[in-house]
């Protein structure tokens, strides 16, 4: 990753991140090179090969030499953590290097995720401060295929959605984790050979 490019993202998105409603978040596209992510997508699909829906793939299932481990390692690197800290304004971010609360998920047609908030504290990890969701959905994701990342708040016991983001290939949602950061995604309606 080019540090200069990361700095341009900070300049471009920091103010919007801090002022987005209903909580701090940002949607960014085309962060990584297509060549790099293409290899990772192929590895994930090859491993998945028809396993149960909403399949969470453990990091250790992939060979350490594979491209996906390069991505895993980068997303806990000092460079990336510094980028997140400067983008969000949150100091002293520490990465979850054991990937205890993270990983790869595949959502084929028919899956969805109800709005929820993630845990904010775990004794072994400390406080969860920032979530990063990188989408490697099948390319040319059609609007009618759904699977839109949503965020909102609870009002009078009911969920109220404020934003929807298309889960396009090489797009990312970054948001501050808090007791009000409700998020999820609507039902996926893609063809059987496509995946969110």
Protein backbone atom coordinates (compact mmCIF):
# COMPACT_ATOMS: atom_id res chain seq x y z
CA UNK A 1 0.00 0.00 0.00
CA UNK A 2 1.18 3.48 -0.82
CA UNK A 3 1.42 5.68 2.31
CA UNK A 4 0.86 8.77 0.20
CA UNK A 5 -2.39 7.26 -1.05
CA UNK A 6 -3.52 6.55 2.51
CA UNK A 7 -2.82 10.16 3.41
CA UNK A 8 -5.02 11.31 0.52
CA UNK A 9 -7.82 9.12 1.88
CA UNK A 10 -7.43 10.72 5.31
CA UNK A 11 -7.58 14.20 3.79
CA UNK A 12 -10.59 13.27 1.67
CA UNK A 13 -12.67 11.34 4.20
CA UNK A 14 -11.77 12.31 7.78
CA UNK A 15 -14.20 15.19 8.14
CA UNK A 16 -17.00 13.19 6.55
CA UNK A 17 -16.22 10.21 8.80
CA UNK A 18 -16.45 12.32 11.93
CA UNK A 19 -19.68 14.02 10.85
CA UNK A 20 -21.59 11.12 9.29
CA UNK A 21 -24.93 10.22 10.86
CA UNK A 22 -26.13 8.36 12.87
CA UNK A 23 -22.60 7.54 14.05
CA UNK A 24 -19.06 7.97 12.75
CA UNK A 25 -18.50 5.92 9.60
CA UNK A 26 -17.32 6.08 6.00
CA UNK A 27 -17.78 4.12 2.77
CA UNK A 28 -14.71 3.97 0.54
CA UNK A 29 -14.16 2.22 -2.80
CA UNK A 30 -11.07 0.94 -4.64
CA UNK A 31 -8.58 0.91 -1.77
CA UNK A 32 -6.59 -2.12 -2.91
CA UNK A 33 -5.32 -3.16 -6.31
CA UNK A 34 -7.57 -5.39 -8.37
CA UNK A 35 -4.69 -7.76 -9.07
CA UNK A 36 -4.10 -8.29 -5.35
CA UNK A 37 -7.74 -8.71 -4.39
CA UNK A 38 -8.52 -10.91 -7.39
CA UNK A 39 -6.17 -13.59 -6.10
CA UNK A 40 -7.75 -13.41 -2.66
CA UNK A 41 -11.27 -13.70 -4.06
CA UNK A 42 -10.25 -16.80 -6.03
CA UNK A 43 -8.74 -18.38 -2.89
CA UNK A 44 -11.91 -17.78 -0.86
CA UNK A 45 -14.25 -19.16 -3.51
CA UNK A 46 -12.03 -22.19 -4.05
CA UNK A 47 -12.10 -22.97 -0.34
CA UNK A 48 -15.83 -22.33 0.02
CA UNK A 49 -16.94 -24.55 -2.92
CA UNK A 50 -20.51 -25.03 -1.78
CA UNK A 51 -20.22 -25.22 2.00
CA UNK A 52 -23.14 -24.13 4.16
CA UNK A 53 -24.58 -20.61 3.75
CA UNK A 54 -23.11 -17.76 5.77
CA UNK A 55 -19.89 -19.67 6.15
CA UNK A 56 -17.26 -18.15 8.41
CA UNK A 57 -13.84 -19.23 7.25
CA UNK A 58 -11.15 -19.38 9.90
CA UNK A 59 -7.88 -17.68 9.07
CA UNK A 60 -5.88 -20.84 9.67
CA UNK A 61 -7.77 -22.68 6.94
CA UNK A 62 -5.64 -20.86 4.38
CA UNK A 63 -2.00 -21.66 3.67
CA UNK A 64 0.28 -19.00 5.16
CA UNK A 65 1.86 -18.32 1.77
CA UNK A 66 -1.43 -17.40 0.17
CA UNK A 67 -2.41 -13.88 -0.78
CA UNK A 68 -5.15 -13.74 1.82
CA UNK A 69 -2.54 -13.90 4.57
CA UNK A 70 -0.85 -10.85 3.06
CA UNK A 71 -4.14 -9.03 3.43
CA UNK A 72 -4.65 -10.33 6.97
CA UNK A 73 -1.15 -9.18 7.92
CA UNK A 74 -1.58 -5.79 6.31
CA UNK A 75 -4.84 -5.08 8.12
CA UNK A 76 -3.07 -5.44 11.49
CA UNK A 77 0.10 -3.66 10.38
CA UNK A 78 1.40 -0.44 11.93
CA UNK A 79 0.78 1.39 8.66
CA UNK A 80 -2.89 0.41 8.49
CA UNK A 81 -3.53 1.00 12.20
CA UNK A 82 -1.98 4.46 11.93
CA UNK A 83 -4.26 5.16 8.96
CA UNK A 84 -7.32 4.10 10.97
CA UNK A 85 -6.25 6.20 13.94
CA UNK A 86 -5.77 9.32 11.85
CA UNK A 87 -8.96 8.77 9.87
CA UNK A 88 -11.14 8.20 12.94
CA UNK A 89 -9.36 10.46 15.42
CA UNK A 90 -9.14 7.53 17.85
CA UNK A 91 -5.75 7.35 19.54
CA UNK A 92 -3.92 4.22 20.65
CA UNK A 93 -5.78 1.75 18.44
CA UNK A 94 -4.44 -1.76 18.85
CA UNK A 95 -5.17 -4.41 16.22
CA UNK A 96 -6.73 -7.79 16.95
CA UNK A 97 -3.70 -9.71 15.67
CA UNK A 98 -5.21 -13.06 16.58
CA UNK A 99 -8.35 -12.25 14.57
CA UNK A 100 -10.49 -13.45 17.47
CA UNK A 101 -13.45 -11.32 16.44
CA UNK A 102 -12.85 -11.19 12.69
CA UNK A 103 -12.49 -13.33 9.60
CA UNK A 104 -13.93 -14.14 6.20
CA UNK A 105 -17.66 -14.63 5.70
CA UNK A 106 -19.45 -15.72 2.54
CA UNK A 107 -23.09 -14.79 2.09
CA UNK A 108 -24.76 -16.56 -0.84
CA UNK A 109 -28.31 -15.90 -2.01
CA UNK A 110 -30.89 -16.01 0.77
CA UNK A 111 -28.66 -14.80 3.59
CA UNK A 112 -29.08 -11.59 5.57
CA UNK A 113 -28.00 -10.11 8.90
CA UNK A 114 -30.41 -8.42 11.28
CA UNK A 115 -29.34 -5.00 12.61
CA UNK A 116 -27.20 -5.47 15.71
CA UNK A 117 -24.33 -3.96 17.68
CA UNK A 118 -21.09 -5.85 18.29
CA UNK A 119 -19.71 -6.38 21.76
CA UNK A 120 -17.78 -3.35 22.92
CA UNK A 121 -15.53 -4.97 25.50
CA UNK A 122 -13.80 -8.31 25.87
CA UNK A 123 -11.44 -8.94 28.74
CA UNK A 124 -8.77 -10.55 26.55
CA UNK A 125 -8.91 -7.74 23.97
CA UNK A 126 -10.07 -4.59 25.72
CA UNK A 127 -12.48 -2.15 24.11
CA UNK A 128 -13.59 -2.57 20.51
CA UNK A 129 -13.19 0.84 18.91
CA UNK A 130 -13.31 0.45 15.12
CA UNK A 131 -14.80 -2.06 12.68
CA UNK A 132 -13.50 -2.50 9.14
CA UNK A 133 -15.66 -4.38 6.63
CA UNK A 134 -13.98 -5.12 3.28
CA UNK A 135 -16.30 -6.40 0.56
CA UNK A 136 -15.08 -8.81 -2.10
CA UNK A 137 -18.50 -9.52 -3.57
CA UNK A 138 -18.76 -10.94 -7.05
CA UNK A 139 -17.83 -8.27 -9.55
CA UNK A 140 -20.49 -6.17 -11.27
CA UNK A 141 -22.84 -6.55 -8.31
CA UNK A 142 -26.34 -5.69 -9.50
CA UNK A 143 -28.54 -3.35 -7.46
CA UNK A 144 -31.34 -5.92 -7.34
CA UNK A 145 -29.03 -8.51 -5.76
CA UNK A 146 -29.35 -6.67 -2.43
CA UNK A 147 -26.99 -7.44 0.42
CA UNK A 148 -26.64 -3.74 1.08
CA UNK A 149 -24.68 -2.81 4.20
CA UNK A 150 -27.00 -0.82 6.42
CA UNK A 151 -26.58 1.33 9.49
CA UNK A 152 -29.03 3.07 11.75
CA UNK A 153 -30.22 3.50 15.31
CA UNK A 154 -32.91 2.18 17.62
CA UNK A 155 -35.77 4.59 18.26
CA UNK A 156 -38.58 3.66 20.64
CA UNK A 157 -37.55 0.02 20.40
CA UNK A 158 -37.58 -0.02 16.59
CA UNK A 159 -34.67 0.00 14.18
CA UNK A 160 -34.46 3.06 11.93
CA UNK A 161 -32.13 2.77 8.95
CA UNK A 162 -30.21 5.83 7.80
CA UNK A 163 -27.65 4.60 5.25
CA UNK A 164 -27.31 1.77 2.71
CA UNK A 165 -24.08 0.91 0.93
CA UNK A 166 -23.72 -1.41 -2.03
CA UNK A 167 -21.36 -4.30 -1.19
CA UNK A 168 -19.30 -3.74 -4.31
CA UNK A 169 -16.09 -5.58 -4.96
CA UNK A 170 -13.19 -3.66 -3.35
CA UNK A 171 -15.38 -1.42 -1.22
CA UNK A 172 -15.07 -0.86 2.49
CA UNK A 173 -17.15 0.41 5.40
CA UNK A 174 -15.25 1.68 8.42
CA UNK A 175 -17.17 2.68 11.54
CA UNK A 176 -16.67 3.48 15.19
CA UNK A 177 -17.94 0.69 17.44
CA UNK A 178 -20.25 1.93 20.17
CA UNK A 179 -23.50 1.10 21.98
CA UNK A 180 -25.42 2.83 19.15
CA UNK A 181 -23.60 1.52 16.08
CA UNK A 182 -26.35 -0.73 14.72
CA UNK A 183 -25.48 -2.40 11.42
CA UNK A 184 -26.46 -5.37 9.29
CA UNK A 185 -27.38 -6.18 5.69
CA UNK A 186 -30.58 -6.87 3.78
CA UNK A 187 -31.37 -10.15 2.06
CA UNK A 188 -28.97 -11.29 -0.66
CA UNK A 189 -30.71 -12.13 -3.95
CA UNK A 190 -27.79 -12.85 -6.25
CA UNK A 191 -27.58 -15.82 -8.67
CA UNK A 192 -26.38 -19.13 -7.22
CA UNK A 193 -22.89 -18.72 -8.71
CA UNK A 194 -22.41 -15.28 -7.14
CA UNK A 195 -21.52 -14.34 -3.57
CA UNK A 196 -21.54 -11.36 -1.26
